[in-house]
Amino acid sequence: MPHAFRVASGLDSVVLGRDRRSSGQMRQAVKTAEAGGLARLVLNRLFQRTFAVASDVRTRTAIGSGSISMAAAAVRLRRDAFFRRLREERGLLA
């Protein structure tokens, strides 16, 4: 269950906070399972709870407001570290 919550909330996405795509894929999977008669009561409850948790995460946090890819995050961290070190070397930081 925790994995389903993380995926639907956008926490397991390559782009943190990109939940809409993941939720859409999960909703389509539920519809496909239901159409094939594979979605039983427990599975339906799991997915309904998953969508509720994802909605709650989006409502209570700003996770989707600044979606950023892992690559972009790495570049920002490296850039910030570079400029921090440059300022330290020039005596601009204590």
N, C-alpha and C. Protein backbone atom coordinates (compact mmCIF):
# COMPACT_ATOMS: atom_id res chain seq x y z
N MET A 1 0.79 -1.19 0.00
CA MET A 1 0.00 0.00 0.00
C MET A 1 0.84 1.26 0.00
N PRO A 2 1.89 1.34 0.81
CA PRO A 2 2.68 2.57 0.80
C PRO A 2 3.22 2.91 -0.60
N HIS A 3 3.61 1.89 -1.35
CA HIS A 3 4.12 2.14 -2.70
C HIS A 3 3.04 2.77 -3.58
N ALA A 4 1.84 2.25 -3.52
CA ALA A 4 0.74 2.80 -4.30
C ALA A 4 0.48 4.25 -3.90
N PHE A 5 0.56 4.55 -2.61
CA PHE A 5 0.37 5.91 -2.14
C PHE A 5 1.46 6.84 -2.68
N ARG A 6 2.71 6.36 -2.65
CA ARG A 6 3.82 7.18 -3.15
C ARG A 6 3.70 7.44 -4.64
N VAL A 7 3.33 6.42 -5.40
CA VAL A 7 3.20 6.57 -6.84
C VAL A 7 2.08 7.56 -7.18
N ALA A 8 0.92 7.37 -6.58
CA ALA A 8 -0.22 8.23 -6.87
C ALA A 8 0.01 9.66 -6.42
N SER A 9 0.81 9.84 -5.39
CA SER A 9 1.08 11.18 -4.87
C SER A 9 2.19 11.89 -5.63
N GLY A 10 2.92 11.15 -6.46
CA GLY A 10 4.01 11.75 -7.23
C GLY A 10 5.34 11.70 -6.52
N LEU A 11 5.44 10.94 -5.43
CA LEU A 11 6.70 10.86 -4.70
C LEU A 11 7.69 9.89 -5.33
N ASP A 12 7.21 8.94 -6.12
CA ASP A 12 8.08 7.98 -6.79
C ASP A 12 8.32 8.33 -8.25
N SER A 13 7.99 9.53 -8.61
CA SER A 13 8.13 9.95 -10.00
C SER A 13 9.54 10.49 -10.24
N VAL A 14 10.02 10.36 -11.46
CA VAL A 14 11.31 10.93 -11.82
C VAL A 14 11.24 12.44 -11.65
N VAL A 15 10.09 13.01 -11.92
CA VAL A 15 9.85 14.43 -11.69
C VAL A 15 8.99 14.51 -10.44
N LEU A 16 9.61 14.89 -9.34
CA LEU A 16 8.92 14.93 -8.06
C LEU A 16 7.66 15.76 -8.16
N GLY A 17 6.56 15.17 -7.74
CA GLY A 17 5.31 15.89 -7.75
C GLY A 17 4.48 15.71 -9.00
N ARG A 18 4.98 14.97 -9.96
CA ARG A 18 4.21 14.74 -11.18
C ARG A 18 3.21 13.63 -10.90
N ASP A 19 2.19 13.97 -10.17
CA ASP A 19 1.21 12.99 -9.73
C ASP A 19 0.08 12.78 -10.72
N ARG A 20 -0.25 13.78 -11.47
CA ARG A 20 -1.39 13.67 -12.38
C ARG A 20 -1.21 12.53 -13.38
N ARG A 21 -0.04 12.41 -13.92
CA ARG A 21 0.22 11.35 -14.88
C ARG A 21 0.14 9.98 -14.21
N SER A 22 0.77 9.87 -13.05
CA SER A 22 0.76 8.60 -12.31
C SER A 22 -0.65 8.23 -11.89
N SER A 23 -1.39 9.20 -11.37
CA SER A 23 -2.77 8.94 -10.95
C SER A 23 -3.61 8.53 -12.13
N GLY A 24 -3.42 9.18 -13.26
CA GLY A 24 -4.16 8.83 -14.47
C GLY A 24 -3.88 7.41 -14.92
N GLN A 25 -2.62 7.02 -14.84
CA GLN A 25 -2.25 5.66 -15.21
C GLN A 25 -2.86 4.66 -14.24
N MET A 26 -2.86 4.99 -12.97
CA MET A 26 -3.45 4.09 -11.99
C MET A 26 -4.96 3.99 -12.18
N ARG A 27 -5.61 5.11 -12.47
CA ARG A 27 -7.06 5.08 -12.71
C ARG A 27 -7.38 4.22 -13.93
N GLN A 28 -6.57 4.33 -14.96
CA GLN A 28 -6.78 3.51 -16.16
C GLN A 28 -6.59 2.03 -15.84
N ALA A 29 -5.61 1.72 -15.00
CA ALA A 29 -5.38 0.32 -14.60
C ALA A 29 -6.59 -0.22 -13.85
N VAL A 30 -7.18 0.60 -12.98
CA VAL A 30 -8.37 0.17 -12.24
C VAL A 30 -9.52 -0.09 -13.20
N LYS A 31 -9.73 0.81 -14.15
CA LYS A 31 -10.81 0.63 -15.13
C LYS A 31 -10.60 -0.64 -15.95
N THR A 32 -9.36 -0.89 -16.34
CA THR A 32 -9.06 -2.10 -17.11
C THR A 32 -9.32 -3.35 -16.28
N ALA A 33 -8.91 -3.32 -15.01
CA ALA A 33 -9.14 -4.46 -14.13
C ALA A 33 -10.64 -4.69 -13.91
N GLU A 34 -11.36 -3.59 -13.74
CA GLU A 34 -12.81 -3.71 -13.55
C GLU A 34 -13.48 -4.28 -14.80
N ALA A 35 -13.07 -3.80 -15.96
CA ALA A 35 -13.66 -4.28 -17.22
C ALA A 35 -13.39 -5.76 -17.43
N GLY A 36 -12.25 -6.23 -16.94
CA GLY A 36 -11.90 -7.64 -17.07
C GLY A 36 -12.39 -8.49 -15.91
N GLY A 37 -13.13 -7.88 -15.00
CA GLY A 37 -13.65 -8.63 -13.86
C GLY A 37 -12.58 -9.00 -12.84
N LEU A 38 -11.46 -8.30 -12.87
CA LEU A 38 -10.35 -8.63 -11.98
C LEU A 38 -10.29 -7.79 -10.72
N ALA A 39 -11.03 -6.70 -10.71
CA ALA A 39 -10.99 -5.80 -9.55
C ALA A 39 -12.02 -6.26 -8.52
N ARG A 40 -11.54 -6.82 -7.47
CA ARG A 40 -12.41 -7.27 -6.39
C ARG A 40 -12.54 -6.18 -5.35
N LEU A 41 -13.33 -6.42 -4.35
CA LEU A 41 -13.63 -5.43 -3.32
C LEU A 41 -12.35 -4.87 -2.67
N VAL A 42 -11.43 -5.74 -2.30
CA VAL A 42 -10.22 -5.29 -1.62
C VAL A 42 -9.39 -4.39 -2.53
N LEU A 43 -9.25 -4.78 -3.80
CA LEU A 43 -8.48 -3.98 -4.74
C LEU A 43 -9.15 -2.63 -4.97
N ASN A 44 -10.47 -2.64 -5.11
CA ASN A 44 -11.18 -1.38 -5.29
C ASN A 44 -11.00 -0.46 -4.09
N ARG A 45 -11.06 -1.02 -2.90
CA ARG A 45 -10.86 -0.21 -1.69
C ARG A 45 -9.45 0.35 -1.64
N LEU A 46 -8.46 -0.47 -2.01
CA LEU A 46 -7.07 -0.01 -2.03
C LEU A 46 -6.93 1.19 -2.96
N PHE A 47 -7.47 1.08 -4.17
CA PHE A 47 -7.30 2.17 -5.11
C PHE A 47 -8.09 3.41 -4.71
N GLN A 48 -9.28 3.24 -4.16
CA GLN A 48 -10.04 4.40 -3.71
C GLN A 48 -9.28 5.12 -2.58
N ARG A 49 -8.71 4.34 -1.67
CA ARG A 49 -7.91 4.93 -0.59
C ARG A 49 -6.66 5.60 -1.15
N THR A 50 -6.05 4.97 -2.14
CA THR A 50 -4.85 5.52 -2.77
C THR A 50 -5.15 6.89 -3.37
N PHE A 51 -6.26 7.00 -4.10
CA PHE A 51 -6.61 8.27 -4.72
C PHE A 51 -6.94 9.33 -3.67
N ALA A 52 -7.55 8.91 -2.58
CA ALA A 52 -7.85 9.85 -1.49
C ALA A 52 -6.57 10.36 -0.84
N VAL A 53 -5.61 9.46 -0.62
CA VAL A 53 -4.33 9.86 -0.02
C VAL A 53 -3.60 10.81 -0.96
N ALA A 54 -3.57 10.50 -2.25
CA ALA A 54 -2.89 11.36 -3.22
C ALA A 54 -3.52 12.76 -3.23
N SER A 55 -4.82 12.81 -3.17
CA SER A 55 -5.51 14.09 -3.13
C SER A 55 -5.16 14.86 -1.86
N ASP A 56 -5.10 14.15 -0.75
CA ASP A 56 -4.76 14.76 0.52
C ASP A 56 -3.33 15.31 0.49
N VAL A 57 -2.42 14.55 -0.09
CA VAL A 57 -1.02 15.00 -0.20
C VAL A 57 -0.95 16.29 -1.02
N ARG A 58 -1.65 16.32 -2.14
CA ARG A 58 -1.64 17.52 -2.98
C ARG A 58 -2.26 18.72 -2.26
N THR A 59 -3.29 18.47 -1.47
CA THR A 59 -3.97 19.54 -0.76
C THR A 59 -3.14 20.09 0.39
N ARG A 60 -2.48 19.21 1.12
CA ARG A 60 -1.75 19.62 2.33
C ARG A 60 -0.31 20.04 2.08
N THR A 61 0.22 19.74 0.92
CA THR A 61 1.62 20.09 0.63
C THR A 61 1.68 20.88 -0.66
N ALA A 62 2.85 21.34 -0.99
CA ALA A 62 3.06 22.07 -2.24
C ALA A 62 3.89 21.20 -3.20
N ILE A 63 3.72 19.89 -3.10
CA ILE A 63 4.57 18.98 -3.86
C ILE A 63 4.51 19.21 -5.36
N GLY A 64 3.37 19.57 -5.88
CA GLY A 64 3.27 19.75 -7.33
C GLY A 64 3.55 21.16 -7.80
N SER A 65 3.73 22.08 -6.88
CA SER A 65 3.88 23.48 -7.27
C SER A 65 5.19 23.77 -7.98
N GLY A 66 6.23 23.06 -7.64
CA GLY A 66 7.53 23.30 -8.25
C GLY A 66 8.13 22.02 -8.76
N SER A 67 7.37 21.28 -9.53
CA SER A 67 7.86 20.00 -10.03
C SER A 67 9.21 20.17 -10.69
N ILE A 68 10.12 19.29 -10.34
CA ILE A 68 11.48 19.39 -10.83
C ILE A 68 12.02 17.99 -11.10
N SER A 69 12.72 17.83 -12.21
CA SER A 69 13.28 16.53 -12.53
C SER A 69 14.51 16.28 -11.68
N MET A 70 14.91 15.03 -11.58
CA MET A 70 16.11 14.68 -10.82
C MET A 70 17.33 15.36 -11.43
N ALA A 71 17.38 15.41 -12.74
CA ALA A 71 18.51 16.04 -13.42
C ALA A 71 18.58 17.53 -13.09
N ALA A 72 17.44 18.20 -13.14
CA ALA A 72 17.42 19.63 -12.83
C ALA A 72 17.79 19.87 -11.38
N ALA A 73 17.33 19.00 -10.48
CA ALA A 73 17.68 19.14 -9.07
C ALA A 73 19.18 18.96 -8.87
N ALA A 74 19.77 18.00 -9.56
CA ALA A 74 21.21 17.76 -9.46
C ALA A 74 22.00 18.97 -9.96
N VAL A 75 21.55 19.54 -11.07
CA VAL A 75 22.23 20.73 -11.60
C VAL A 75 22.13 21.89 -10.62
N ARG A 76 20.97 22.09 -10.03
CA ARG A 76 20.81 23.18 -9.06
C ARG A 76 21.70 22.98 -7.84
N LEU A 77 21.73 21.74 -7.34
CA LEU A 77 22.58 21.46 -6.17
C LEU A 77 24.05 21.72 -6.49
N ARG A 78 24.48 21.27 -7.64
CA ARG A 78 25.88 21.44 -8.03
C ARG A 78 26.20 22.92 -8.23
N ARG A 79 25.29 23.64 -8.88
CA ARG A 79 25.49 25.07 -9.10
C ARG A 79 25.58 25.80 -7.77
N ASP A 80 24.66 25.49 -6.86
CA ASP A 80 24.67 26.15 -5.55
C ASP A 80 25.95 25.85 -4.79
N ALA A 81 26.40 24.59 -4.85
CA ALA A 81 27.65 24.22 -4.17
C ALA A 81 28.84 24.95 -4.78
N PHE A 82 28.86 25.09 -6.09
CA PHE A 82 29.95 25.78 -6.78
C PHE A 82 30.03 27.23 -6.32
N PHE A 83 28.89 27.93 -6.34
CA PHE A 83 28.90 29.34 -5.95
C PHE A 83 29.16 29.52 -4.47
N ARG A 84 28.70 28.59 -3.65
CA ARG A 84 29.00 28.66 -2.21
C ARG A 84 30.50 28.56 -1.99
N ARG A 85 31.13 27.62 -2.66
CA ARG A 85 32.58 27.43 -2.51
C ARG A 85 33.33 28.65 -3.03
N LEU A 86 32.88 29.21 -4.13
CA LEU A 86 33.50 30.40 -4.70
C LEU A 86 33.43 31.56 -3.71
N ARG A 87 32.26 31.75 -3.10
CA ARG A 87 32.11 32.82 -2.11
C ARG A 87 33.00 32.57 -0.89
N GLU A 88 33.10 31.31 -0.46
CA GLU A 88 33.95 30.98 0.68
C GLU A 88 35.41 31.28 0.37
N GLU A 89 35.84 30.91 -0.83
CA GLU A 89 37.24 31.15 -1.21
C GLU A 89 37.55 32.63 -1.30
N ARG A 90 36.58 33.43 -1.64
CA ARG A 90 36.79 34.88 -1.74
C ARG A 90 36.54 35.59 -0.42
N GLY A 91 36.24 34.81 0.62
CA GLY A 91 36.04 35.38 1.94
C GLY A 91 34.70 36.08 2.12
N LEU A 92 33.76 35.73 1.26
CA LEU A 92 32.45 36.38 1.35
C LEU A 92 31.52 35.67 2.31
N LEU A 93 31.87 34.46 2.70
CA LEU A 93 31.09 33.70 3.67
C LEU A 93 31.97 33.35 4.84
N ALA A 94 31.39 33.29 5.99
CA ALA A 94 32.16 32.93 7.19
C ALA A 94 32.33 31.45 7.28
